[in-house]
């Protein structure tokens, strides 16, 4: 785990202040810890082409073997003349450990639709790898560790200025960076026995701002 601590603000009273007034002196430090998370999930973009009278329920039923439900539905488009085919699109999130099995299932369903003359056809593509929300949530913020980092940095800066760090005055809530990081350079080929993925790690982390009272030796 990488550690970074930033000093965001420092205010020291002038030497002309009386000793009793020095209790108003404070130092504010922002501490943060970051960790690089490896993408653990990909998203398949699945499209089903069906007749103009097809419904969402019919398409979802045809895709149920893939674990797709109406909640995976992302959109439908087609001509307005009720003659051409409708294109039904779905997003299918898949763990990296199940990519090959998912591709095999998609190909099997694709071939089955053709063989059975179902009036439907299926196409799919794999989009970028990314860090799942579950992976982000597995990296909890430790307020205790962040406060310790902030206090150590405050002590170093205060000592250099001839002060000592007193008790904490204020502490902010820890925050975690949880924006999913999609990686766009995933490489996919149906003809391969396995899927080739290239991806970078995604940064995540927590930060905390702490204000301490400054005391003079």
N, C-alpha and C. Protein backbone atom coordinates (compact mmCIF):
# COMPACT_ATOMS: atom_id res chain seq x y z
N UNK A 1 0.85 -1.19 0.00
CA UNK A 1 0.00 0.00 0.00
C UNK A 1 0.88 1.24 0.00
N UNK A 2 0.63 2.15 -0.88
CA UNK A 2 1.38 3.39 -0.97
C UNK A 2 0.80 4.39 0.01
N UNK A 3 1.66 5.22 0.59
CA UNK A 3 1.19 6.22 1.51
C UNK A 3 1.61 7.60 1.01
N UNK A 4 0.70 8.55 1.13
CA UNK A 4 1.00 9.93 0.78
C UNK A 4 0.33 10.81 1.81
N UNK A 5 1.05 11.81 2.26
CA UNK A 5 0.50 12.75 3.22
C UNK A 5 0.77 14.14 2.71
N UNK A 6 -0.27 14.97 2.64
CA UNK A 6 -0.13 16.33 2.16
C UNK A 6 -0.40 17.31 3.29
N UNK A 7 0.40 18.33 3.37
CA UNK A 7 0.17 19.42 4.30
C UNK A 7 -0.63 20.46 3.55
N UNK A 8 -1.87 20.68 3.96
CA UNK A 8 -2.74 21.57 3.22
C UNK A 8 -2.75 22.99 3.78
N UNK A 9 -2.53 23.17 5.08
CA UNK A 9 -2.53 24.52 5.61
C UNK A 9 -1.76 24.55 6.91
N UNK A 10 -1.03 25.63 7.15
CA UNK A 10 -0.26 25.77 8.37
C UNK A 10 -0.26 27.23 8.76
N UNK A 11 -0.69 27.53 10.00
CA UNK A 11 -0.70 28.91 10.46
C UNK A 11 -0.07 28.95 11.83
N UNK A 12 0.95 29.75 12.01
CA UNK A 12 1.64 29.88 13.29
C UNK A 12 1.53 31.32 13.76
N UNK A 13 1.32 31.54 15.03
CA UNK A 13 1.19 32.88 15.57
C UNK A 13 2.54 33.58 15.58
N UNK A 14 2.52 34.87 15.50
CA UNK A 14 3.76 35.65 15.51
C UNK A 14 4.41 35.64 16.88
N UNK A 15 5.68 35.96 16.89
CA UNK A 15 6.44 35.89 18.14
C UNK A 15 5.99 36.95 19.13
N UNK A 16 5.29 37.97 18.67
CA UNK A 16 4.89 39.05 19.56
C UNK A 16 3.70 38.67 20.43
N UNK A 17 3.02 37.53 20.17
CA UNK A 17 1.88 37.12 20.97
C UNK A 17 2.32 36.66 22.35
N UNK A 18 1.50 36.93 23.32
CA UNK A 18 1.81 36.48 24.68
C UNK A 18 1.66 34.98 24.77
N UNK A 19 2.30 34.35 25.73
CA UNK A 19 2.28 32.90 25.85
C UNK A 19 0.86 32.38 26.02
N UNK A 20 0.03 33.08 26.78
CA UNK A 20 -1.33 32.62 27.02
C UNK A 20 -2.17 32.59 25.77
N UNK A 21 -1.79 33.33 24.73
CA UNK A 21 -2.55 33.38 23.50
C UNK A 21 -2.18 32.28 22.50
N UNK A 22 -1.12 31.55 22.79
CA UNK A 22 -0.62 30.57 21.84
C UNK A 22 -1.56 29.37 21.69
N UNK A 23 -2.51 29.22 22.56
CA UNK A 23 -3.46 28.10 22.44
C UNK A 23 -4.32 28.22 21.19
N UNK A 24 -4.36 29.39 20.59
CA UNK A 24 -5.17 29.55 19.39
C UNK A 24 -4.45 29.06 18.15
N UNK A 25 -3.17 28.74 18.22
CA UNK A 25 -2.42 28.28 17.07
C UNK A 25 -2.87 26.87 16.67
N UNK A 26 -3.01 26.64 15.37
CA UNK A 26 -3.43 25.32 14.89
C UNK A 26 -2.64 24.92 13.65
N UNK A 27 -2.67 23.66 13.38
CA UNK A 27 -2.09 23.12 12.15
C UNK A 27 -3.09 22.12 11.58
N UNK A 28 -3.35 22.21 10.29
CA UNK A 28 -4.29 21.31 9.61
C UNK A 28 -3.54 20.46 8.60
N UNK A 29 -3.70 19.17 8.69
CA UNK A 29 -2.99 18.23 7.83
C UNK A 29 -4.00 17.31 7.15
N UNK A 30 -3.78 17.06 5.85
CA UNK A 30 -4.60 16.08 5.13
C UNK A 30 -3.73 14.86 4.84
N UNK A 31 -4.18 13.72 5.33
CA UNK A 31 -3.46 12.46 5.10
C UNK A 31 -4.27 11.60 4.16
N UNK A 32 -3.57 10.86 3.31
CA UNK A 32 -4.28 9.94 2.41
C UNK A 32 -3.46 8.68 2.20
N UNK A 33 -4.16 7.63 1.91
CA UNK A 33 -3.53 6.35 1.56
C UNK A 33 -4.16 5.86 0.27
N UNK A 34 -3.36 5.36 -0.63
CA UNK A 34 -3.88 4.88 -1.91
C UNK A 34 -3.43 3.45 -2.15
N UNK A 35 -4.24 2.75 -2.94
CA UNK A 35 -3.92 1.37 -3.31
C UNK A 35 -4.38 1.16 -4.74
N UNK A 36 -3.61 0.44 -5.52
CA UNK A 36 -3.98 0.14 -6.90
C UNK A 36 -4.74 -1.19 -6.95
N UNK A 37 -5.96 -1.11 -7.45
CA UNK A 37 -6.81 -2.30 -7.56
C UNK A 37 -6.76 -2.84 -8.99
N UNK A 38 -6.66 -4.14 -9.12
CA UNK A 38 -6.65 -4.78 -10.42
C UNK A 38 -8.08 -5.04 -10.90
N UNK A 39 -8.41 -4.66 -12.13
CA UNK A 39 -9.76 -4.93 -12.65
C UNK A 39 -10.13 -6.39 -12.49
N UNK A 40 -11.36 -6.64 -12.04
CA UNK A 40 -11.81 -8.00 -11.80
C UNK A 40 -13.08 -8.34 -12.56
N UNK A 41 -13.53 -7.45 -13.45
CA UNK A 41 -14.81 -7.67 -14.12
C UNK A 41 -14.77 -7.06 -15.52
N UNK A 42 -15.55 -7.64 -16.44
CA UNK A 42 -15.74 -7.07 -17.77
C UNK A 42 -17.24 -6.97 -18.03
N UNK A 43 -17.60 -6.25 -19.07
CA UNK A 43 -19.01 -6.12 -19.43
C UNK A 43 -19.20 -6.55 -20.88
N UNK A 44 -20.13 -7.47 -21.09
CA UNK A 44 -20.49 -7.89 -22.45
C UNK A 44 -21.68 -7.06 -22.92
N UNK A 45 -21.60 -6.62 -24.16
CA UNK A 45 -22.70 -5.89 -24.79
C UNK A 45 -23.39 -6.88 -25.71
N UNK A 46 -24.60 -7.30 -25.33
CA UNK A 46 -25.33 -8.35 -26.05
C UNK A 46 -26.51 -7.72 -26.79
N UNK A 47 -26.62 -8.02 -28.08
CA UNK A 47 -27.71 -7.49 -28.89
C UNK A 47 -28.47 -8.63 -29.56
N UNK A 48 -29.79 -8.59 -29.45
CA UNK A 48 -30.64 -9.58 -30.09
C UNK A 48 -31.48 -8.88 -31.15
N UNK A 49 -31.44 -9.41 -32.35
CA UNK A 49 -32.27 -8.90 -33.44
C UNK A 49 -33.50 -9.79 -33.55
N UNK A 50 -34.69 -9.18 -33.50
CA UNK A 50 -35.94 -9.96 -33.54
C UNK A 50 -36.99 -9.21 -34.34
N UNK A 51 -38.09 -9.88 -34.63
CA UNK A 51 -39.15 -9.31 -35.44
C UNK A 51 -39.80 -8.08 -34.82
N UNK A 52 -40.54 -7.32 -35.62
CA UNK A 52 -41.15 -6.07 -35.15
C UNK A 52 -42.21 -6.25 -34.07
N UNK A 53 -42.72 -7.46 -33.91
CA UNK A 53 -43.74 -7.70 -32.88
C UNK A 53 -43.14 -8.28 -31.59
N UNK A 54 -41.83 -8.41 -31.55
CA UNK A 54 -41.18 -8.99 -30.37
C UNK A 54 -41.32 -8.06 -29.17
N UNK A 55 -41.29 -8.64 -27.99
CA UNK A 55 -41.42 -7.87 -26.75
C UNK A 55 -40.21 -8.11 -25.86
N UNK A 56 -40.06 -7.25 -24.86
CA UNK A 56 -38.94 -7.39 -23.92
C UNK A 56 -39.02 -8.73 -23.19
N UNK A 57 -40.20 -9.12 -22.79
CA UNK A 57 -40.35 -10.39 -22.07
C UNK A 57 -39.87 -11.57 -22.92
N UNK A 58 -40.19 -11.56 -24.20
CA UNK A 58 -39.76 -12.65 -25.09
C UNK A 58 -38.24 -12.69 -25.22
N UNK A 59 -37.64 -11.54 -25.35
CA UNK A 59 -36.18 -11.50 -25.50
C UNK A 59 -35.50 -11.94 -24.22
N UNK A 60 -35.98 -11.45 -23.08
CA UNK A 60 -35.38 -11.83 -21.80
C UNK A 60 -35.51 -13.33 -21.57
N UNK A 61 -36.65 -13.91 -21.95
CA UNK A 61 -36.83 -15.36 -21.83
C UNK A 61 -35.79 -16.11 -22.66
N UNK A 62 -35.54 -15.62 -23.87
CA UNK A 62 -34.56 -16.27 -24.74
C UNK A 62 -33.14 -16.17 -24.18
N UNK A 63 -32.88 -15.14 -23.39
CA UNK A 63 -31.54 -14.92 -22.84
C UNK A 63 -31.39 -15.38 -21.40
N UNK A 64 -32.43 -15.94 -20.84
CA UNK A 64 -32.42 -16.28 -19.41
C UNK A 64 -31.31 -17.26 -19.04
N UNK A 65 -30.93 -18.12 -19.97
CA UNK A 65 -29.85 -19.07 -19.69
C UNK A 65 -28.52 -18.41 -19.44
N UNK A 66 -28.37 -17.14 -19.85
CA UNK A 66 -27.13 -16.39 -19.63
C UNK A 66 -27.16 -15.64 -18.30
N UNK A 67 -28.30 -15.71 -17.63
CA UNK A 67 -28.43 -14.95 -16.39
C UNK A 67 -28.90 -13.53 -16.63
N UNK A 68 -29.34 -13.23 -17.86
CA UNK A 68 -29.82 -11.89 -18.19
C UNK A 68 -31.28 -11.74 -17.79
N UNK A 69 -31.59 -10.62 -17.15
CA UNK A 69 -32.96 -10.29 -16.76
C UNK A 69 -33.31 -8.92 -17.32
N UNK A 70 -34.51 -8.46 -17.04
CA UNK A 70 -34.93 -7.14 -17.52
C UNK A 70 -34.05 -6.03 -16.96
N UNK A 71 -33.42 -6.27 -15.81
CA UNK A 71 -32.55 -5.25 -15.21
C UNK A 71 -31.29 -5.02 -16.04
N UNK A 72 -30.94 -5.96 -16.92
CA UNK A 72 -29.77 -5.81 -17.78
C UNK A 72 -30.08 -5.05 -19.07
N UNK A 73 -31.36 -4.79 -19.31
CA UNK A 73 -31.79 -4.13 -20.54
C UNK A 73 -31.21 -2.72 -20.63
N UNK A 74 -30.62 -2.38 -21.78
CA UNK A 74 -30.02 -1.06 -21.95
C UNK A 74 -30.65 -0.24 -23.06
N UNK A 75 -31.45 -0.85 -23.95
CA UNK A 75 -32.11 -0.06 -24.97
C UNK A 75 -32.62 -0.90 -26.13
N UNK A 76 -33.51 -0.30 -26.92
CA UNK A 76 -34.07 -0.95 -28.10
C UNK A 76 -34.20 0.08 -29.21
N UNK A 77 -33.87 -0.32 -30.42
CA UNK A 77 -34.03 0.60 -31.55
C UNK A 77 -34.43 -0.20 -32.78
N UNK A 78 -35.02 0.49 -33.74
CA UNK A 78 -35.47 -0.14 -34.98
C UNK A 78 -36.30 0.84 -35.78
N UNK A 79 -36.74 0.44 -36.98
CA UNK A 79 -37.53 1.32 -37.83
C UNK A 79 -38.92 1.58 -37.25
N UNK A 80 -39.55 2.65 -37.70
CA UNK A 80 -40.87 3.02 -37.20
C UNK A 80 -42.02 2.47 -38.04
N UNK A 81 -41.69 1.67 -39.07
CA UNK A 81 -42.75 1.20 -39.97
C UNK A 81 -43.32 -0.16 -39.56
N UNK A 82 -42.87 -0.69 -38.42
CA UNK A 82 -43.35 -2.00 -37.95
C UNK A 82 -43.08 -3.12 -38.94
N UNK A 83 -42.03 -2.95 -39.73
CA UNK A 83 -41.67 -3.99 -40.70
C UNK A 83 -40.27 -4.56 -40.44
N UNK A 84 -39.35 -3.67 -40.13
CA UNK A 84 -37.97 -4.13 -39.93
C UNK A 84 -37.75 -4.75 -38.56
N UNK A 85 -36.60 -5.34 -38.40
CA UNK A 85 -36.24 -6.00 -37.14
C UNK A 85 -35.97 -4.97 -36.04
N UNK A 86 -36.21 -5.38 -34.81
CA UNK A 86 -35.89 -4.57 -33.64
C UNK A 86 -34.59 -5.08 -33.03
N UNK A 87 -33.77 -4.16 -32.54
CA UNK A 87 -32.50 -4.51 -31.93
C UNK A 87 -32.61 -4.27 -30.42
N UNK A 88 -32.52 -5.35 -29.66
CA UNK A 88 -32.63 -5.29 -28.20
C UNK A 88 -31.23 -5.44 -27.60
N UNK A 89 -30.83 -4.49 -26.77
CA UNK A 89 -29.46 -4.49 -26.22
C UNK A 89 -29.47 -4.69 -24.71
N UNK A 90 -28.46 -5.41 -24.25
CA UNK A 90 -28.33 -5.73 -22.83
C UNK A 90 -26.86 -5.63 -22.41
N UNK A 91 -26.64 -5.24 -21.17
CA UNK A 91 -25.29 -5.23 -20.59
C UNK A 91 -25.18 -6.41 -19.64
N UNK A 92 -24.12 -7.20 -19.81
CA UNK A 92 -23.94 -8.40 -18.99
C UNK A 92 -22.60 -8.33 -18.27
N UNK A 93 -22.56 -7.86 -17.01
CA UNK A 93 -21.31 -7.84 -16.25
C UNK A 93 -20.86 -9.25 -15.91
N UNK A 94 -19.57 -9.50 -16.06
CA UNK A 94 -19.05 -10.85 -15.87
C UNK A 94 -17.70 -10.81 -15.17
N UNK A 95 -17.49 -11.60 -14.13
CA UNK A 95 -16.17 -11.67 -13.50
C UNK A 95 -15.13 -12.18 -14.49
N UNK A 96 -13.90 -11.71 -14.36
CA UNK A 96 -12.84 -12.16 -15.27
C UNK A 96 -12.66 -13.67 -15.23
N UNK A 97 -12.92 -14.27 -14.07
CA UNK A 97 -12.74 -15.72 -13.94
C UNK A 97 -13.77 -16.51 -14.74
N UNK A 98 -14.85 -15.85 -15.20
CA UNK A 98 -15.91 -16.55 -15.93
C UNK A 98 -16.04 -16.06 -17.37
N UNK A 99 -15.05 -15.34 -17.86
CA UNK A 99 -15.14 -14.79 -19.21
C UNK A 99 -15.23 -15.89 -20.26
N UNK A 100 -14.36 -16.86 -20.19
CA UNK A 100 -14.36 -17.93 -21.20
C UNK A 100 -15.67 -18.72 -21.19
N UNK A 101 -16.18 -19.01 -19.99
CA UNK A 101 -17.43 -19.76 -19.88
C UNK A 101 -18.60 -18.93 -20.44
N UNK A 102 -18.58 -17.64 -20.21
CA UNK A 102 -19.65 -16.77 -20.72
C UNK A 102 -19.60 -16.70 -22.24
N UNK A 103 -18.40 -16.61 -22.80
CA UNK A 103 -18.27 -16.58 -24.26
C UNK A 103 -18.80 -17.88 -24.87
N UNK A 104 -18.46 -18.99 -24.23
CA UNK A 104 -18.94 -20.28 -24.73
C UNK A 104 -20.47 -20.34 -24.71
N UNK A 105 -21.07 -19.82 -23.66
CA UNK A 105 -22.54 -19.81 -23.56
C UNK A 105 -23.16 -18.90 -24.60
N UNK A 106 -22.55 -17.76 -24.85
CA UNK A 106 -23.06 -16.83 -25.85
C UNK A 106 -23.00 -17.44 -27.25
N UNK A 107 -21.89 -18.09 -27.55
CA UNK A 107 -21.75 -18.72 -28.87
C UNK A 107 -22.76 -19.85 -29.04
N UNK A 108 -22.95 -20.65 -27.97
CA UNK A 108 -23.91 -21.76 -28.04
C UNK A 108 -25.32 -21.23 -28.29
N UNK A 109 -25.70 -20.16 -27.61
CA UNK A 109 -27.04 -19.58 -27.80
C UNK A 109 -27.15 -18.96 -29.19
N UNK A 110 -26.11 -18.35 -29.64
CA UNK A 110 -26.08 -17.75 -30.99
C UNK A 110 -26.35 -18.81 -32.05
N UNK A 111 -25.67 -19.95 -31.92
CA UNK A 111 -25.83 -21.04 -32.89
C UNK A 111 -27.21 -21.69 -32.77
N UNK A 112 -27.71 -21.79 -31.54
CA UNK A 112 -29.02 -22.40 -31.32
C UNK A 112 -30.13 -21.58 -31.97
N UNK A 113 -30.03 -20.25 -31.88
CA UNK A 113 -31.05 -19.39 -32.50
C UNK A 113 -31.11 -19.60 -34.00
N UNK A 114 -29.93 -19.79 -34.60
CA UNK A 114 -29.87 -20.00 -36.06
C UNK A 114 -30.43 -21.38 -36.42
N UNK A 115 -30.01 -22.38 -35.66
CA UNK A 115 -30.41 -23.75 -35.95
C UNK A 115 -31.91 -23.96 -35.80
N UNK A 116 -32.49 -23.32 -34.80
CA UNK A 116 -33.92 -23.54 -34.50
C UNK A 116 -34.84 -22.59 -35.26
N UNK A 117 -34.28 -21.77 -36.13
CA UNK A 117 -35.10 -20.81 -36.89
C UNK A 117 -36.04 -20.03 -35.97
N UNK A 118 -35.47 -19.50 -34.90
CA UNK A 118 -36.26 -18.81 -33.88
C UNK A 118 -36.74 -17.44 -34.31
N UNK A 119 -36.21 -16.96 -35.42
CA UNK A 119 -36.54 -15.59 -35.83
C UNK A 119 -35.71 -14.55 -35.09
N UNK A 120 -34.77 -15.02 -34.31
CA UNK A 120 -33.87 -14.13 -33.58
C UNK A 120 -32.43 -14.41 -33.96
N UNK A 121 -31.59 -13.41 -33.83
CA UNK A 121 -30.14 -13.58 -34.01
C UNK A 121 -29.43 -12.79 -32.92
N UNK A 122 -28.27 -13.27 -32.55
CA UNK A 122 -27.55 -12.68 -31.42
C UNK A 122 -26.14 -12.28 -31.83
N UNK A 123 -25.73 -11.12 -31.41
CA UNK A 123 -24.35 -10.67 -31.55
C UNK A 123 -23.88 -10.16 -30.19
N UNK A 124 -22.59 -10.16 -29.99
CA UNK A 124 -22.08 -9.66 -28.71
C UNK A 124 -20.65 -9.17 -28.88
N UNK A 125 -20.26 -8.30 -27.98
CA UNK A 125 -18.88 -7.84 -27.91
C UNK A 125 -18.53 -7.57 -26.45
N UNK A 126 -17.25 -7.69 -26.16
CA UNK A 126 -16.81 -7.47 -24.79
C UNK A 126 -16.23 -6.07 -24.68
N UNK A 127 -16.71 -5.32 -23.69
CA UNK A 127 -16.21 -3.99 -23.46
C UNK A 127 -15.09 -4.03 -22.44
N UNK A 128 -14.63 -2.85 -22.01
CA UNK A 128 -13.44 -2.77 -21.17
C UNK A 128 -13.54 -3.46 -19.82
N UNK A 129 -12.39 -3.88 -19.30
CA UNK A 129 -12.30 -4.43 -17.95
C UNK A 129 -12.36 -3.29 -16.95
N UNK A 130 -12.91 -3.56 -15.77
CA UNK A 130 -13.01 -2.53 -14.76
C UNK A 130 -13.03 -3.15 -13.36
N UNK A 131 -12.89 -2.29 -12.37
CA UNK A 131 -12.92 -2.73 -10.97
C UNK A 131 -14.36 -2.72 -10.49
N UNK A 132 -14.84 -3.84 -10.01
CA UNK A 132 -16.23 -3.94 -9.55
C UNK A 132 -16.43 -3.17 -8.25
N UNK A 133 -17.69 -2.84 -7.99
CA UNK A 133 -18.02 -2.14 -6.75
C UNK A 133 -17.66 -2.98 -5.53
N UNK A 134 -17.79 -4.29 -5.65
CA UNK A 134 -17.45 -5.17 -4.53
C UNK A 134 -15.96 -5.08 -4.20
N UNK A 135 -15.12 -4.97 -5.24
CA UNK A 135 -13.69 -4.86 -5.00
C UNK A 135 -13.34 -3.55 -4.31
N UNK A 136 -14.00 -2.46 -4.73
CA UNK A 136 -13.78 -1.18 -4.06
C UNK A 136 -14.19 -1.26 -2.59
N UNK A 137 -15.33 -1.85 -2.34
CA UNK A 137 -15.83 -1.90 -0.97
C UNK A 137 -14.99 -2.81 -0.08
N UNK A 138 -14.16 -3.66 -0.67
CA UNK A 138 -13.30 -4.53 0.12
C UNK A 138 -12.07 -3.79 0.63
N UNK A 139 -11.93 -2.51 0.26
CA UNK A 139 -10.81 -1.70 0.70
C UNK A 139 -11.32 -0.60 1.64
N UNK A 140 -11.65 -0.95 2.88
CA UNK A 140 -12.23 0.04 3.79
C UNK A 140 -11.21 1.08 4.24
N UNK A 141 -11.72 2.26 4.56
CA UNK A 141 -10.87 3.32 5.09
C UNK A 141 -10.63 3.08 6.58
N UNK A 142 -9.39 3.22 7.00
CA UNK A 142 -9.04 3.08 8.41
C UNK A 142 -8.78 4.48 8.99
N UNK A 143 -9.73 5.00 9.73
CA UNK A 143 -9.59 6.32 10.33
C UNK A 143 -8.40 6.36 11.29
N UNK A 144 -8.21 5.29 12.04
CA UNK A 144 -7.11 5.23 13.00
C UNK A 144 -5.77 5.40 12.31
N UNK A 145 -5.57 4.69 11.19
CA UNK A 145 -4.29 4.78 10.48
C UNK A 145 -4.08 6.15 9.86
N UNK A 146 -5.15 6.74 9.31
CA UNK A 146 -5.03 8.05 8.69
C UNK A 146 -4.73 9.12 9.73
N UNK A 147 -5.34 9.04 10.90
CA UNK A 147 -5.05 10.00 11.97
C UNK A 147 -3.59 9.87 12.41
N UNK A 148 -3.10 8.66 12.50
CA UNK A 148 -1.70 8.44 12.89
C UNK A 148 -0.76 9.06 11.86
N UNK A 149 -1.08 8.90 10.57
CA UNK A 149 -0.26 9.52 9.53
C UNK A 149 -0.28 11.04 9.65
N UNK A 150 -1.47 11.60 9.86
CA UNK A 150 -1.60 13.05 9.98
C UNK A 150 -0.85 13.58 11.19
N UNK A 151 -0.93 12.87 12.28
CA UNK A 151 -0.26 13.32 13.50
C UNK A 151 1.25 13.28 13.35
N UNK A 152 1.77 12.24 12.71
CA UNK A 152 3.21 12.14 12.50
C UNK A 152 3.72 13.29 11.63
N UNK A 153 2.98 13.62 10.57
CA UNK A 153 3.39 14.71 9.70
C UNK A 153 3.29 16.05 10.42
N UNK A 154 2.22 16.23 11.20
CA UNK A 154 2.06 17.47 11.95
C UNK A 154 3.19 17.66 12.95
N UNK A 155 3.60 16.59 13.60
CA UNK A 155 4.70 16.67 14.57
C UNK A 155 6.01 17.08 13.90
N UNK A 156 6.28 16.54 12.71
CA UNK A 156 7.51 16.89 12.01
C UNK A 156 7.55 18.37 11.64
N UNK A 157 6.42 18.87 11.11
CA UNK A 157 6.38 20.27 10.68
C UNK A 157 6.40 21.21 11.89
N UNK A 158 5.64 20.88 12.92
CA UNK A 158 5.58 21.73 14.10
C UNK A 158 6.92 21.80 14.81
N UNK A 159 7.62 20.67 14.93
CA UNK A 159 8.92 20.64 15.59
C UNK A 159 9.92 21.52 14.87
N UNK A 160 9.87 21.54 13.54
CA UNK A 160 10.79 22.37 12.77
C UNK A 160 10.55 23.85 13.01
N UNK A 161 9.32 24.21 13.42
CA UNK A 161 8.98 25.61 13.67
C UNK A 161 9.05 25.96 15.16
N UNK A 162 9.49 25.01 15.97
CA UNK A 162 9.61 25.28 17.39
C UNK A 162 8.34 25.08 18.19
N UNK A 163 7.43 24.28 17.69
CA UNK A 163 6.18 24.03 18.38
C UNK A 163 6.04 22.54 18.67
N UNK A 164 5.07 22.22 19.51
CA UNK A 164 4.69 20.84 19.78
C UNK A 164 3.22 20.66 19.39
N UNK A 165 2.87 19.46 18.98
CA UNK A 165 1.49 19.18 18.59
C UNK A 165 0.68 18.80 19.81
N UNK A 166 -0.44 19.50 19.99
CA UNK A 166 -1.33 19.22 21.09
C UNK A 166 -2.47 18.29 20.67
N UNK A 167 -3.59 18.37 21.34
CA UNK A 167 -4.73 17.48 21.03
C UNK A 167 -5.40 17.83 19.71
N UNK A 168 -6.16 16.87 19.20
CA UNK A 168 -6.94 17.11 17.98
C UNK A 168 -8.09 18.07 18.29
N UNK A 169 -8.33 18.99 17.36
CA UNK A 169 -9.45 19.92 17.49
C UNK A 169 -10.61 19.52 16.60
N UNK A 170 -10.30 19.06 15.39
CA UNK A 170 -11.34 18.72 14.43
C UNK A 170 -10.83 17.62 13.52
N UNK A 171 -11.74 16.74 13.13
CA UNK A 171 -11.39 15.66 12.21
C UNK A 171 -12.53 15.49 11.20
N UNK A 172 -12.19 15.38 9.93
CA UNK A 172 -13.20 15.20 8.89
C UNK A 172 -13.48 13.71 8.70
N UNK A 173 -14.53 13.41 7.95
CA UNK A 173 -14.85 12.01 7.64
C UNK A 173 -13.91 11.50 6.57
N UNK A 174 -13.54 10.23 6.68
CA UNK A 174 -12.73 9.62 5.62
C UNK A 174 -13.55 9.44 4.37
N UNK A 175 -12.88 9.50 3.24
CA UNK A 175 -13.58 9.29 1.97
C UNK A 175 -12.81 8.29 1.14
N UNK A 176 -13.54 7.57 0.31
CA UNK A 176 -12.93 6.56 -0.55
C UNK A 176 -13.25 6.84 -2.00
N UNK A 177 -12.25 6.79 -2.86
CA UNK A 177 -12.47 6.99 -4.29
C UNK A 177 -13.05 5.73 -4.87
N UNK A 178 -14.29 5.79 -5.32
CA UNK A 178 -14.97 4.58 -5.77
C UNK A 178 -15.51 4.70 -7.18
N UNK A 179 -14.94 5.58 -7.98
CA UNK A 179 -15.39 5.71 -9.36
C UNK A 179 -14.86 4.55 -10.18
N UNK A 180 -15.71 3.70 -10.74
CA UNK A 180 -15.23 2.57 -11.53
C UNK A 180 -14.33 3.03 -12.66
N UNK A 181 -13.22 2.36 -12.82
CA UNK A 181 -12.26 2.74 -13.86
C UNK A 181 -12.33 1.72 -14.99
N UNK A 182 -12.92 2.10 -16.10
CA UNK A 182 -13.00 1.22 -17.25
C UNK A 182 -11.68 1.26 -18.01
N UNK A 183 -11.26 0.13 -18.51
CA UNK A 183 -10.05 0.04 -19.31
C UNK A 183 -10.45 -0.29 -20.73
N UNK A 184 -10.14 0.59 -21.66
CA UNK A 184 -10.68 0.47 -23.01
C UNK A 184 -9.90 -0.45 -23.94
N UNK A 185 -8.70 -0.90 -23.54
CA UNK A 185 -7.89 -1.67 -24.47
C UNK A 185 -8.00 -3.17 -24.24
N UNK A 186 -9.19 -3.65 -23.87
CA UNK A 186 -9.40 -5.09 -23.78
C UNK A 186 -9.45 -5.67 -25.19
N UNK A 187 -8.81 -6.83 -25.38
CA UNK A 187 -8.73 -7.45 -26.69
C UNK A 187 -9.54 -8.74 -26.67
N UNK A 188 -10.37 -8.95 -27.69
CA UNK A 188 -11.27 -10.10 -27.67
C UNK A 188 -11.33 -10.75 -29.05
N UNK A 189 -11.34 -12.08 -29.06
CA UNK A 189 -11.50 -12.81 -30.32
C UNK A 189 -12.22 -14.12 -30.04
N UNK A 190 -13.33 -14.34 -30.76
CA UNK A 190 -14.10 -15.57 -30.56
C UNK A 190 -13.29 -16.79 -30.96
N UNK A 191 -12.41 -16.63 -31.93
CA UNK A 191 -11.68 -17.76 -32.45
C UNK A 191 -10.61 -18.30 -31.53
N UNK A 192 -10.27 -17.57 -30.48
CA UNK A 192 -9.23 -18.02 -29.59
C UNK A 192 -9.79 -18.93 -28.51
N UNK A 193 -8.95 -19.80 -27.99
CA UNK A 193 -9.39 -20.69 -26.93
C UNK A 193 -9.58 -19.93 -25.62
N UNK A 194 -8.95 -18.79 -25.51
CA UNK A 194 -9.11 -17.97 -24.31
C UNK A 194 -9.13 -16.51 -24.73
N UNK A 195 -9.56 -15.67 -23.83
CA UNK A 195 -9.66 -14.25 -24.12
C UNK A 195 -8.39 -13.55 -23.66
N UNK A 196 -7.89 -12.66 -24.49
CA UNK A 196 -6.71 -11.90 -24.14
C UNK A 196 -7.15 -10.56 -23.57
N UNK A 197 -6.68 -10.23 -22.38
CA UNK A 197 -7.04 -8.96 -21.75
C UNK A 197 -5.78 -8.19 -21.40
N UNK A 198 -5.80 -6.93 -21.73
CA UNK A 198 -4.74 -6.03 -21.31
C UNK A 198 -5.38 -4.91 -20.51
N UNK A 199 -4.89 -4.65 -19.31
CA UNK A 199 -5.51 -3.61 -18.52
C UNK A 199 -4.50 -3.04 -17.54
N UNK A 200 -4.82 -1.85 -17.06
CA UNK A 200 -4.01 -1.19 -16.06
C UNK A 200 -4.73 -1.27 -14.71
N UNK A 201 -3.97 -1.09 -13.64
CA UNK A 201 -4.60 -1.06 -12.33
C UNK A 201 -5.34 0.26 -12.16
N UNK A 202 -6.35 0.25 -11.31
CA UNK A 202 -7.17 1.44 -11.08
C UNK A 202 -6.91 1.97 -9.67
N UNK A 203 -6.57 3.26 -9.54
CA UNK A 203 -6.27 3.82 -8.22
C UNK A 203 -7.52 3.99 -7.37
N UNK A 204 -7.36 3.72 -6.09
CA UNK A 204 -8.43 3.95 -5.12
C UNK A 204 -7.77 4.40 -3.84
N UNK A 205 -8.50 5.08 -2.99
CA UNK A 205 -7.88 5.50 -1.75
C UNK A 205 -8.81 6.23 -0.81
N UNK A 206 -8.27 6.62 0.34
CA UNK A 206 -9.01 7.33 1.37
C UNK A 206 -8.22 8.56 1.81
N UNK A 207 -8.92 9.55 2.30
CA UNK A 207 -8.24 10.74 2.81
C UNK A 207 -8.96 11.25 4.05
N UNK A 208 -8.23 11.99 4.86
CA UNK A 208 -8.76 12.50 6.11
C UNK A 208 -8.06 13.81 6.43
N UNK A 209 -8.81 14.81 6.86
CA UNK A 209 -8.24 16.10 7.24
C UNK A 209 -8.36 16.26 8.75
N UNK A 210 -7.24 16.57 9.39
CA UNK A 210 -7.20 16.65 10.86
C UNK A 210 -6.59 17.98 11.28
N UNK A 211 -7.22 18.64 12.24
CA UNK A 211 -6.70 19.89 12.78
C UNK A 211 -6.21 19.64 14.22
N UNK A 212 -4.98 20.08 14.48
CA UNK A 212 -4.38 19.91 15.80
C UNK A 212 -4.11 21.27 16.43
N UNK A 213 -4.09 21.31 17.76
CA UNK A 213 -3.68 22.50 18.47
C UNK A 213 -2.15 22.51 18.55
N UNK A 214 -1.55 23.67 18.40
CA UNK A 214 -0.11 23.81 18.51
C UNK A 214 0.26 24.43 19.85
N UNK A 215 1.30 23.87 20.47
CA UNK A 215 1.81 24.36 21.74
C UNK A 215 3.29 24.68 21.61
N UNK A 216 3.73 25.65 22.39
CA UNK A 216 5.15 25.99 22.37
C UNK A 216 5.86 25.25 23.48
N UNK A 217 7.09 24.82 23.18
CA UNK A 217 7.87 24.09 24.19
C UNK A 217 8.07 24.97 25.42
